[in-house]
Amino acid sequence: MRGHDLSPAHHRAARWAAAGLLLLLCLPGLVAAQEPAAVTRSKVEAAFLRNFARYVTWPPRSFANERTPWSVCILGHDPFEGELEATFQGRMEHGRPFEVFRANSLDRLPACHIVFVGYQDVARRRAVLDELKLLPTLTVGHAPEFLQEGGIIRLAVGERVEMSVNLDRARAASLLIPAKMLEVSREVVENGAVKRWK
């Protein structure tokens, strides 16, 4: 990959260095065993969204000023069970607090830094991802084909957390995904090619 030597041998070594990041992302998922699986998944995914604000770099034009809050938006189905507010309450990243918005259509949302696309319908997902593709908006979703549809990060949370990244789409949106995130990703799409690490 451009700027990163992600050969299989380098990747194995880099995964040790990146283990701290992955642990940090997953810590909220290490909850009591009696807690329902759906709640556990919601906590882990909410922690991922928070940490994306920490590690991904947005262009300065994304913020009106240095105190502009992070706008985290849920479009369509909300899988977080109210965990976003609990995760973000009293938290700041880079000196900015978080605000959460929910809507069934993009035109009912403000300008968002992170959008979780919860549409079940493929056509609706593709349409909204196409609308957002050149904006500095980090799109996140669950759908198996989310990256191929134009999304930037796909989260799959089961017995373990898996993250995949479409680096091409991130660059088109003027977002910088750090190497430490790529090194713990299951798949990375760059220059139209898919690299699988796990």
Protein backbone atom coordinates (compact mmCIF):
# COMPACT_ATOMS: atom_id res chain seq x y z
CA MET A 1 0.00 0.00 0.00
CA ARG A 2 1.17 3.49 -0.72
CA GLY A 3 3.13 4.79 2.24
CA HIS A 4 2.82 1.53 4.20
CA ASP A 5 4.64 -1.78 3.89
CA LEU A 6 1.80 -4.14 4.70
CA SER A 7 3.40 -7.35 3.50
CA PRO A 8 2.20 -10.42 5.42
CA ALA A 9 5.44 -10.58 7.44
CA HIS A 10 5.30 -6.89 8.33
CA HIS A 11 1.62 -7.22 9.09
CA ARG A 12 2.24 -9.94 11.69
CA ALA A 13 4.77 -7.77 13.48
CA ALA A 14 2.61 -4.68 13.20
CA ARG A 15 -0.34 -6.48 14.74
CA TRP A 16 1.59 -6.76 18.02
CA ALA A 17 2.20 -3.03 17.98
CA ALA A 18 -1.44 -2.40 17.14
CA ALA A 19 -2.76 -4.71 19.84
CA GLY A 20 -3.05 -1.77 22.24
CA LEU A 21 -5.34 0.05 19.83
CA LEU A 22 -7.55 -2.98 19.35
CA LEU A 23 -7.73 -3.56 23.09
CA LEU A 24 -8.67 0.08 23.61
CA LEU A 25 -11.40 -0.21 21.02
CA CYS A 26 -12.75 -3.39 22.56
CA LEU A 27 -12.53 -2.56 26.27
CA PRO A 28 -16.19 -1.54 26.60
CA GLY A 29 -17.10 -4.97 25.20
CA LEU A 30 -15.44 -6.72 28.13
CA VAL A 31 -18.62 -6.59 30.19
CA ALA A 32 -20.25 -8.97 32.60
CA ALA A 33 -21.12 -12.37 31.15
CA GLN A 34 -24.77 -12.04 32.16
CA GLU A 35 -25.22 -8.96 29.98
CA PRO A 36 -27.23 -9.70 26.80
CA ALA A 37 -25.15 -10.18 23.64
CA ALA A 38 -27.01 -7.37 21.83
CA VAL A 39 -26.06 -4.89 24.56
CA THR A 40 -22.44 -6.07 24.47
CA ARG A 41 -22.30 -5.56 20.69
CA SER A 42 -23.87 -2.11 21.05
CA LYS A 43 -21.27 -1.06 23.62
CA VAL A 44 -18.37 -2.27 21.50
CA GLU A 45 -19.66 -0.57 18.36
CA ALA A 46 -20.34 2.68 20.22
CA ALA A 47 -16.74 2.57 21.48
CA PHE A 48 -15.52 2.09 17.91
CA LEU A 49 -17.39 5.19 16.73
CA ARG A 50 -15.89 7.21 19.56
CA ASN A 51 -12.39 5.99 18.77
CA PHE A 52 -12.78 6.72 15.08
CA ALA A 53 -13.03 10.38 16.14
CA ARG A 54 -9.74 9.92 17.98
CA TYR A 55 -7.72 8.22 15.25
CA VAL A 56 -9.12 9.33 11.87
CA THR A 57 -8.07 12.78 10.63
CA TRP A 58 -10.70 15.10 9.13
CA PRO A 59 -9.81 18.15 7.02
CA PRO A 60 -9.97 21.46 8.92
CA ARG A 61 -12.92 22.59 6.78
CA SER A 62 -15.05 19.94 8.54
CA PHE A 63 -15.30 22.12 11.64
CA ALA A 64 -16.57 25.66 12.01
CA ASN A 65 -14.11 26.31 14.85
CA GLU A 66 -11.93 24.52 17.39
CA ARG A 67 -14.89 23.82 19.68
CA THR A 68 -17.31 22.50 17.09
CA PRO A 69 -18.75 19.21 18.43
CA TRP A 70 -18.44 15.88 16.69
CA SER A 71 -21.72 15.15 14.90
CA VAL A 72 -22.38 11.42 15.01
CA CYS A 73 -25.43 10.50 12.96
CA ILE A 74 -27.55 7.36 12.67
CA LEU A 75 -29.34 7.02 9.35
CA GLY A 76 -32.16 4.47 9.30
CA HIS A 77 -32.14 1.54 11.73
CA ASP A 78 -30.37 2.29 15.03
CA PRO A 79 -28.57 -0.82 16.40
CA PHE A 80 -26.99 0.90 19.39
CA GLU A 81 -29.72 0.39 22.01
CA GLY A 82 -29.09 3.87 23.45
CA GLU A 83 -25.41 3.10 24.02
CA LEU A 84 -24.14 6.04 21.95
CA GLU A 85 -25.30 8.61 24.48
CA ALA A 86 -23.91 6.52 27.35
CA THR A 87 -20.55 6.16 25.60
CA PHE A 88 -20.25 9.82 24.61
CA GLN A 89 -21.58 11.40 27.81
CA GLY A 90 -18.97 13.70 29.27
CA ARG A 91 -16.38 12.52 26.72
CA MET A 92 -14.30 14.64 24.40
CA GLU A 93 -11.90 13.85 21.57
CA HIS A 94 -9.41 16.47 20.44
CA GLY A 95 -11.17 18.96 22.71
CA ARG A 96 -14.56 18.42 21.09
CA PRO A 97 -17.70 16.96 22.71
CA PHE A 98 -20.11 14.67 20.88
CA GLU A 99 -23.64 15.22 19.61
CA VAL A 100 -25.85 12.38 18.37
CA PHE A 101 -28.49 12.78 15.66
CA ARG A 102 -30.94 10.24 14.23
CA ALA A 103 -33.11 10.39 11.12
CA ASN A 104 -34.58 8.19 8.39
CA SER A 105 -33.34 10.40 5.57
CA LEU A 106 -30.13 12.33 4.99
CA ASP A 107 -31.88 15.65 4.43
CA ARG A 108 -33.11 15.58 8.04
CA LEU A 109 -29.58 15.38 9.43
CA PRO A 110 -27.05 18.18 9.97
CA ALA A 111 -23.60 17.98 8.41
CA CYS A 112 -22.20 14.82 10.03
CA HIS A 113 -18.63 13.80 10.75
CA ILE A 114 -19.59 10.15 11.22
CA VAL A 115 -22.68 8.52 9.72
CA PHE A 116 -23.75 5.02 10.64
CA VAL A 117 -25.82 3.84 7.66
CA GLY A 118 -28.47 1.51 9.03
CA TYR A 119 -30.58 1.08 5.92
CA GLN A 120 -31.53 -2.53 5.23
CA ASP A 121 -32.37 -1.75 1.60
CA VAL A 122 -29.39 -2.02 -0.76
CA ALA A 123 -30.63 0.67 -3.14
CA ARG A 124 -31.09 3.19 -0.31
CA ARG A 125 -27.63 2.44 1.07
CA ARG A 126 -26.00 2.85 -2.33
CA ALA A 127 -27.85 6.10 -2.98
CA VAL A 128 -26.86 7.73 0.31
CA LEU A 129 -23.26 6.50 0.09
CA ASP A 130 -23.04 7.99 -3.39
CA GLU A 131 -24.40 11.28 -2.06
CA LEU A 132 -21.78 11.35 0.71
CA LYS A 133 -18.80 10.06 -1.26
CA LEU A 134 -17.02 13.40 -1.77
CA LEU A 135 -17.91 14.91 1.60
CA PRO A 136 -15.59 14.66 4.63
CA THR A 137 -17.92 12.17 6.28
CA LEU A 138 -16.84 8.82 7.70
CA THR A 139 -19.48 6.28 6.70
CA VAL A 140 -19.85 3.15 8.83
CA GLY A 141 -22.15 0.17 8.41
CA HIS A 142 -22.81 -3.52 8.97
CA ALA A 143 -23.88 -4.78 5.54
CA PRO A 144 -21.64 -7.53 4.10
CA GLU A 145 -21.15 -5.55 0.87
CA PHE A 146 -20.85 -2.16 2.58
CA LEU A 147 -17.36 -1.40 1.27
CA GLN A 148 -18.25 -2.44 -2.28
CA GLU A 149 -21.34 -0.23 -2.08
CA GLY A 150 -19.18 2.79 -1.29
CA GLY A 151 -18.92 2.78 2.50
CA ILE A 152 -15.64 3.55 4.26
CA ILE A 153 -15.68 1.27 7.33
CA ARG A 154 -17.56 -1.96 7.86
CA LEU A 155 -17.98 -3.25 11.41
CA ALA A 156 -18.81 -6.86 12.14
CA VAL A 157 -19.29 -7.63 15.82
CA GLY A 158 -19.79 -11.22 16.93
CA GLU A 159 -17.60 -13.26 19.21
CA ARG A 160 -14.87 -10.84 18.20
CA VAL A 161 -14.76 -7.43 16.58
CA GLU A 162 -13.77 -7.17 12.91
CA MET A 163 -13.22 -3.96 11.00
CA SER A 164 -12.69 -3.51 7.27
CA VAL A 165 -11.69 -0.27 5.52
CA ASN A 166 -12.21 1.12 2.04
CA LEU A 167 -9.13 3.31 1.76
CA ASP A 168 -10.10 4.52 -1.72
CA ARG A 169 -13.36 5.96 -0.41
CA ALA A 170 -11.66 7.48 2.62
CA ARG A 171 -9.20 9.33 0.39
CA ALA A 172 -11.99 10.55 -1.89
CA ALA A 173 -13.67 11.99 1.21
CA SER A 174 -10.39 13.68 2.30
CA LEU A 175 -10.17 11.49 5.41
CA LEU A 176 -6.86 10.10 6.62
CA ILE A 177 -7.01 6.57 8.06
CA PRO A 178 -3.87 5.86 10.12
CA ALA A 179 -1.72 2.78 9.53
CA LYS A 180 -2.52 1.47 13.02
CA MET A 181 -6.17 1.09 12.00
CA LEU A 182 -5.31 -0.59 8.71
CA GLU A 183 -3.05 -3.05 10.51
CA VAL A 184 -5.90 -4.38 12.66
CA SER A 185 -8.42 -4.50 9.80
CA ARG A 186 -9.73 -7.73 8.31
CA GLU A 187 -9.82 -6.25 4.82
CA VAL A 188 -8.43 -3.10 3.24
CA VAL A 189 -9.55 -1.88 -0.18
CA GLU A 190 -6.93 0.19 -2.00
CA ASN A 191 -6.72 1.03 -5.70
CA GLY A 192 -9.73 -1.18 -6.27
CA ALA A 193 -8.04 -4.28 -4.86
CA VAL A 194 -9.01 -6.08 -1.65
CA LYS A 195 -6.28 -7.20 0.72
CA ARG A 196 -7.33 -9.73 3.37
CA TRP A 197 -5.27 -10.17 6.50
CA LYS A 198 -7.30 -12.57 8.63
